[in-house]
Amino acid sequence: MASRLRRGLVAAVGLLLTSATVGAQPVLLQIRPRIGDTLYVKLEQQVEMTGMPPGCGDQQGASRTRSTAASAACANVRTVNTGMEVFSRAIARRSMRDATDMLAITDSVRTSVGKRGGGQRTTRQPTSRTPVEIRISSDGGVEIGAGPASDEIRTLFGQMPPTLSRKSVAVGEKWIHEMRVPLVGEPGATGRVRTTFQLDSLGRNADIAYISMRGMLSHDHSDGSDSETSGSLAGRMRFDRRLGWITETHATIDVWSVLKSPPAGQAMRVHTRVVQSLRVSNAP
């Protein structure tokens, strides 16, 4: 009996040591679906846009009733909520050294006006159901190729930035990606997003990687504009190394901007919050 107990303890310790060793070893995280695989993608996006006169509230959502003047200004606050669900497919067709060519198809779209879980919901056909060629690099960046890409495909894939490290990473290790993005409402103006990613943990056998991300949006005014735009991003991702794909993301993006008004008008401070979730599986 004692001998059997010792053997059980030794086996348990060995398993723990093996798991710790696997967790300590760097792993390579690459978008690399198997050719012929069809991936089913569901995007959920909720956008809350709040407009307020200057002097009402702050970027951290502090009290809006600091003074009588601030209280009066906040009486004109307006909020609009919109939602969208997009159901798409991505089919892997050809593998290259650092990228995979795929076909993307939008199947259906649902939109809503009002807070999540309520409001008026509408199901509509996508702007185009024609397959669109996309090329996705091993680090997650996407280029849209030939074909009349629907608005939904452009929303889903068109602005996907690189998210993964091009080298192997260990648990706890961080990497950074930067990209330039157009600023809404300011033709020709661009902002810079700098995002830090971290491999937080690995699942059993290191098949699943759990990644967190935090980023900042800034405007360096290199385009000559006087935009007052800033923002932040926080979220998490789940990467399936067997599937070669990011199977789950959840991100909250907060953007603050000041919309300039004609000389006779008043500037408006706008807070836009985007909550976005993405789920991917190899079964419908």
Protein backbone atom coordinates (compact mmCIF):
# COMPACT_ATOMS: atom_id res chain seq x y z
CA MET A 1 0.00 0.00 0.00
CA ALA A 2 2.77 2.42 0.98
CA SER A 3 4.70 1.50 -2.17
CA ARG A 4 1.65 2.21 -4.33
CA LEU A 5 1.18 5.57 -2.59
CA ARG A 6 4.84 6.49 -3.23
CA ARG A 7 4.48 5.59 -6.90
CA GLY A 8 1.37 7.77 -7.13
CA LEU A 9 3.17 10.71 -5.51
CA VAL A 10 6.16 10.33 -7.83
CA ALA A 11 3.86 10.25 -10.88
CA ALA A 12 2.00 13.36 -9.67
CA VAL A 13 5.25 15.26 -9.07
CA GLY A 14 6.51 14.21 -12.51
CA LEU A 15 3.32 15.46 -14.14
CA LEU A 16 3.63 18.82 -12.36
CA LEU A 17 7.25 19.19 -13.38
CA THR A 18 6.42 18.31 -16.97
CA SER A 19 3.59 20.85 -17.05
CA ALA A 20 5.87 23.53 -15.59
CA THR A 21 8.53 22.76 -18.19
CA VAL A 22 6.02 23.00 -21.04
CA GLY A 23 4.74 26.30 -19.66
CA ALA A 24 8.28 27.69 -19.43
CA GLN A 25 9.24 26.80 -22.99
CA PRO A 26 8.66 29.45 -25.68
CA VAL A 27 5.91 28.61 -28.17
CA LEU A 28 5.27 29.84 -31.69
CA LEU A 29 1.84 31.42 -32.25
CA GLN A 30 1.02 31.57 -35.94
CA ILE A 31 -2.12 31.93 -38.03
CA ARG A 32 -1.79 28.76 -40.07
CA PRO A 33 -5.14 27.05 -40.86
CA ARG A 34 -5.12 23.71 -42.65
CA ILE A 35 -5.80 23.96 -46.36
CA GLY A 36 -9.42 23.09 -47.04
CA ASP A 37 -10.59 24.06 -43.56
CA THR A 38 -13.72 26.18 -43.29
CA LEU A 39 -13.79 28.49 -40.29
CA TYR A 40 -17.12 29.90 -39.10
CA VAL A 41 -16.81 33.41 -37.73
CA LYS A 42 -19.32 35.32 -35.58
CA LEU A 43 -18.69 38.98 -34.84
CA GLU A 44 -20.71 40.88 -32.23
CA GLN A 45 -20.20 44.61 -31.95
CA GLN A 46 -21.92 47.16 -29.74
CA VAL A 47 -21.22 50.86 -30.21
CA GLU A 48 -22.25 53.53 -27.70
CA MET A 49 -21.67 57.11 -28.82
CA THR A 50 -22.18 59.93 -26.33
CA GLY A 51 -22.01 63.60 -27.30
CA MET A 52 -21.63 66.31 -24.68
CA PRO A 53 -20.62 69.97 -24.52
CA PRO A 54 -17.10 70.74 -23.24
CA GLY A 55 -16.99 70.87 -19.46
CA CYS A 56 -19.27 67.90 -18.95
CA GLY A 57 -17.59 64.77 -17.62
CA ASP A 58 -14.04 63.58 -18.22
CA GLN A 59 -12.31 60.70 -19.99
CA GLN A 60 -12.46 58.53 -16.91
CA GLY A 61 -16.20 59.01 -16.44
CA ALA A 62 -15.87 61.12 -13.28
CA SER A 63 -18.86 62.93 -11.75
CA ARG A 64 -20.68 65.18 -14.21
CA THR A 65 -22.16 67.40 -11.53
CA ARG A 66 -19.13 69.21 -10.12
CA SER A 67 -20.82 72.61 -10.47
CA THR A 68 -24.07 74.25 -11.51
CA ALA A 69 -22.50 75.17 -14.86
CA ALA A 70 -21.33 71.59 -15.45
CA SER A 71 -24.77 70.29 -14.47
CA ALA A 72 -26.43 72.60 -16.98
CA ALA A 73 -23.99 71.52 -19.70
CA CYS A 74 -24.68 67.87 -18.99
CA ALA A 75 -28.39 68.38 -19.56
CA ASN A 76 -27.59 68.30 -23.27
CA VAL A 77 -25.84 64.94 -23.24
CA ARG A 78 -27.06 62.59 -25.98
CA THR A 79 -26.32 58.87 -26.32
CA VAL A 80 -26.90 56.57 -29.30
CA ASN A 81 -26.50 52.77 -29.12
CA THR A 82 -26.15 50.53 -32.16
CA GLY A 83 -25.35 46.85 -32.46
CA MET A 84 -24.32 44.44 -35.18
CA GLU A 85 -23.87 40.68 -35.55
CA VAL A 86 -22.07 39.31 -38.61
CA PHE A 87 -21.96 35.61 -39.54
CA SER A 88 -19.19 34.75 -42.00
CA ARG A 89 -17.02 31.92 -43.30
CA ALA A 90 -13.34 31.83 -44.16
CA ILE A 91 -12.02 28.97 -46.32
CA ALA A 92 -8.28 28.23 -46.44
CA ARG A 93 -7.12 27.73 -50.05
CA ARG A 94 -3.35 28.12 -50.36
CA SER A 95 -0.46 28.22 -47.91
CA MET A 96 2.68 30.29 -48.38
CA ARG A 97 5.75 30.85 -46.27
CA ASP A 98 4.36 33.71 -44.17
CA ALA A 99 0.68 33.86 -45.14
CA THR A 100 -2.43 31.93 -46.16
CA ASP A 101 -4.80 32.78 -49.02
CA MET A 102 -8.46 32.40 -48.08
CA LEU A 103 -11.96 33.06 -49.37
CA ALA A 104 -14.25 35.09 -47.11
CA ILE A 105 -18.05 34.93 -47.43
CA THR A 106 -20.66 36.88 -45.44
CA ASP A 107 -23.78 34.79 -44.74
CA SER A 108 -26.03 37.10 -42.75
CA VAL A 109 -26.13 40.30 -40.73
CA ARG A 110 -28.25 41.45 -37.80
CA THR A 111 -28.37 45.05 -36.68
CA SER A 112 -30.03 46.69 -33.68
CA VAL A 113 -30.68 50.13 -32.24
CA GLY A 114 -30.72 50.31 -28.46
CA LYS A 115 -28.72 48.74 -25.66
CA ARG A 116 -27.47 45.18 -25.94
CA GLY A 117 -30.22 42.67 -25.28
CA GLY A 118 -32.95 45.17 -26.11
CA GLY A 119 -34.01 47.65 -28.74
CA GLN A 120 -35.19 47.02 -32.26
CA ARG A 121 -33.42 44.18 -34.09
CA THR A 122 -33.31 43.73 -37.86
CA THR A 123 -31.96 40.86 -39.95
CA ARG A 124 -30.77 41.85 -43.40
CA GLN A 125 -28.79 40.46 -46.28
CA PRO A 126 -25.14 41.44 -46.46
CA THR A 127 -24.21 44.10 -49.00
CA SER A 128 -22.54 41.32 -51.01
CA ARG A 129 -22.38 37.54 -50.68
CA THR A 130 -19.74 37.15 -53.38
CA PRO A 131 -16.63 35.34 -52.08
CA VAL A 132 -13.72 37.72 -51.50
CA GLU A 133 -10.05 36.79 -51.57
CA ILE A 134 -8.11 37.69 -48.45
CA ARG A 135 -4.49 37.06 -47.51
CA ILE A 136 -3.80 36.67 -43.81
CA SER A 137 -0.22 36.74 -42.61
CA SER A 138 1.08 34.40 -39.94
CA ASP A 139 1.02 37.25 -37.38
CA GLY A 140 -2.64 38.10 -38.12
CA GLY A 141 -2.46 41.04 -40.52
CA VAL A 142 -4.98 40.93 -43.40
CA GLU A 143 -5.00 42.20 -46.98
CA ILE A 144 -8.23 42.18 -48.97
CA GLY A 145 -7.75 41.04 -52.56
CA ALA A 146 -9.95 40.63 -55.62
CA GLY A 147 -13.73 40.60 -55.41
CA PRO A 148 -16.46 43.07 -54.42
CA ALA A 149 -15.87 43.01 -50.66
CA SER A 150 -19.00 43.63 -48.61
CA ASP A 151 -19.10 46.28 -45.90
CA GLU A 152 -19.22 43.46 -43.38
CA ILE A 153 -16.09 41.77 -44.76
CA ARG A 154 -14.27 45.08 -44.59
CA THR A 155 -15.44 45.54 -41.00
CA LEU A 156 -14.47 42.00 -40.04
CA PHE A 157 -11.18 41.54 -41.90
CA GLY A 158 -10.23 44.80 -43.59
CA GLN A 159 -8.73 46.51 -40.56
CA MET A 160 -7.29 43.51 -38.75
CA PRO A 161 -3.81 44.52 -37.60
CA PRO A 162 -0.95 42.14 -36.82
CA THR A 163 -1.51 40.79 -33.31
CA LEU A 164 0.90 37.87 -32.87
CA SER A 165 4.63 37.83 -32.31
CA ARG A 166 6.75 36.67 -35.24
CA LYS A 167 9.05 34.82 -32.84
CA SER A 168 8.42 32.25 -30.14
CA VAL A 169 7.27 33.66 -26.80
CA ALA A 170 7.21 32.30 -23.27
CA VAL A 171 4.47 32.72 -20.67
CA GLY A 172 4.70 36.24 -19.26
CA GLU A 173 6.53 37.61 -22.29
CA LYS A 174 5.24 40.77 -24.04
CA TRP A 175 5.40 42.13 -27.57
CA ILE A 176 4.25 45.38 -29.17
CA HIS A 177 2.52 46.26 -32.44
CA GLU A 178 1.93 49.75 -33.80
CA MET A 179 -0.37 50.77 -36.65
CA ARG A 180 -1.86 53.91 -38.14
CA VAL A 181 -5.65 54.21 -38.45
CA PRO A 182 -7.94 56.80 -40.07
CA LEU A 183 -9.79 59.04 -37.63
CA VAL A 184 -13.58 59.05 -37.99
CA GLY A 185 -15.01 62.42 -38.97
CA GLU A 186 -11.64 63.86 -39.95
CA PRO A 187 -10.88 63.24 -43.63
CA GLY A 188 -7.17 62.72 -44.16
CA ALA A 189 -6.37 62.65 -40.43
CA THR A 190 -4.74 59.58 -38.91
CA GLY A 191 -4.03 58.30 -35.45
CA ARG A 192 -1.51 55.84 -34.09
CA VAL A 193 -2.44 52.77 -32.06
CA ARG A 194 0.28 51.18 -29.94
CA THR A 195 -0.78 47.87 -28.39
CA THR A 196 1.09 45.68 -25.93
CA PHE A 197 0.27 41.97 -25.95
CA GLN A 198 1.21 39.42 -23.31
CA LEU A 199 1.08 35.63 -23.28
CA ASP A 200 -0.63 35.11 -19.94
CA SER A 201 -0.86 31.32 -19.84
CA LEU A 202 -1.02 28.08 -21.81
CA GLY A 203 -3.60 25.34 -21.66
CA ARG A 204 -2.87 21.65 -21.29
CA ASN A 205 -0.17 20.45 -23.73
CA ALA A 206 0.28 24.12 -24.71
CA ASP A 207 -2.48 23.72 -27.32
CA ILE A 208 -4.37 26.84 -26.18
CA ALA A 209 -2.71 30.21 -25.58
CA TYR A 210 -4.38 32.94 -23.52
CA ILE A 211 -3.28 36.45 -24.46
CA SER A 212 -4.14 39.86 -22.99
CA MET A 213 -3.80 43.19 -24.77
CA ARG A 214 -3.73 46.85 -23.77
CA GLY A 215 -3.29 49.77 -26.14
CA MET A 216 -3.40 53.52 -26.53
CA LEU A 217 -4.63 55.68 -29.41
CA SER A 218 -2.86 58.98 -29.95
CA HIS A 219 -2.65 61.64 -32.63
CA ASP A 220 0.80 63.00 -33.35
CA HIS A 221 -0.50 65.75 -35.70
CA SER A 222 2.05 64.82 -38.36
CA ASP A 223 -0.74 65.36 -40.92
CA GLY A 224 -1.01 69.03 -39.90
CA SER A 225 -4.44 68.78 -38.25
CA ASP A 226 -5.31 70.04 -34.77
CA SER A 227 -7.40 67.03 -33.80
CA GLU A 228 -8.11 66.37 -30.14
CA THR A 229 -8.43 62.60 -30.21
CA SER A 230 -7.23 59.99 -27.73
CA GLY A 231 -8.29 56.54 -26.68
CA SER A 232 -7.55 53.21 -25.08
CA LEU A 233 -8.01 49.51 -25.81
CA ALA A 234 -8.19 46.56 -23.43
CA GLY A 235 -9.03 42.96 -24.16
CA ARG A 236 -8.11 39.31 -24.32
CA MET A 237 -7.64 36.60 -26.94
CA ARG A 238 -7.66 32.83 -27.07
CA PHE A 239 -5.41 31.21 -29.68
CA ASP A 240 -5.85 27.57 -30.70
CA ARG A 241 -2.46 26.24 -31.86
CA ARG A 242 -4.04 23.06 -33.26
CA LEU A 243 -6.48 25.03 -35.41
CA GLY A 244 -3.87 27.67 -36.22
CA TRP A 245 -6.32 30.51 -35.54
CA ILE A 246 -7.48 33.03 -32.95
CA THR A 247 -10.74 31.45 -31.83
CA GLU A 248 -11.99 34.08 -29.39
CA THR A 249 -11.41 37.76 -28.76
CA HIS A 250 -13.09 40.31 -26.56
CA ALA A 251 -12.07 43.96 -26.64
CA THR A 252 -13.33 47.29 -25.33
CA ILE A 253 -12.21 50.41 -27.17
CA ASP A 254 -12.78 53.92 -25.78
CA VAL A 255 -12.18 56.94 -28.01
CA TRP A 256 -12.52 60.59 -26.97
CA SER A 257 -12.63 63.35 -29.57
CA VAL A 258 -13.71 66.95 -29.98
CA LEU A 259 -15.79 67.72 -33.06
CA LYS A 260 -15.13 71.23 -34.29
CA SER A 261 -18.19 73.37 -35.04
CA PRO A 262 -18.64 76.42 -37.27
CA PRO A 263 -17.55 79.71 -35.65
CA ALA A 264 -21.07 80.46 -34.48
CA GLY A 265 -21.59 76.97 -33.04
CA GLN A 266 -20.27 75.09 -30.03
CA ALA A 267 -17.72 72.30 -30.12
CA MET A 268 -18.99 68.88 -29.09
CA ARG A 269 -17.04 66.38 -27.03
CA VAL A 270 -17.74 62.81 -28.15
CA HIS A 271 -17.04 59.57 -26.30
CA THR A 272 -17.30 56.41 -28.40
CA ARG A 273 -17.16 53.01 -26.73
CA VAL A 274 -16.93 49.92 -28.92
CA VAL A 275 -17.35 46.49 -27.33
CA GLN A 276 -16.40 43.76 -29.78
CA SER A 277 -16.46 39.98 -29.44
CA LEU A 278 -15.34 37.43 -32.00
CA ARG A 279 -15.82 33.66 -31.96
CA VAL A 280 -14.40 31.20 -34.48
CA SER A 281 -14.93 27.46 -34.82
CA ASN A 282 -14.46 24.76 -37.44
CA ALA A 283 -18.10 23.66 -37.11
CA PRO A 284 -21.23 25.66 -38.00
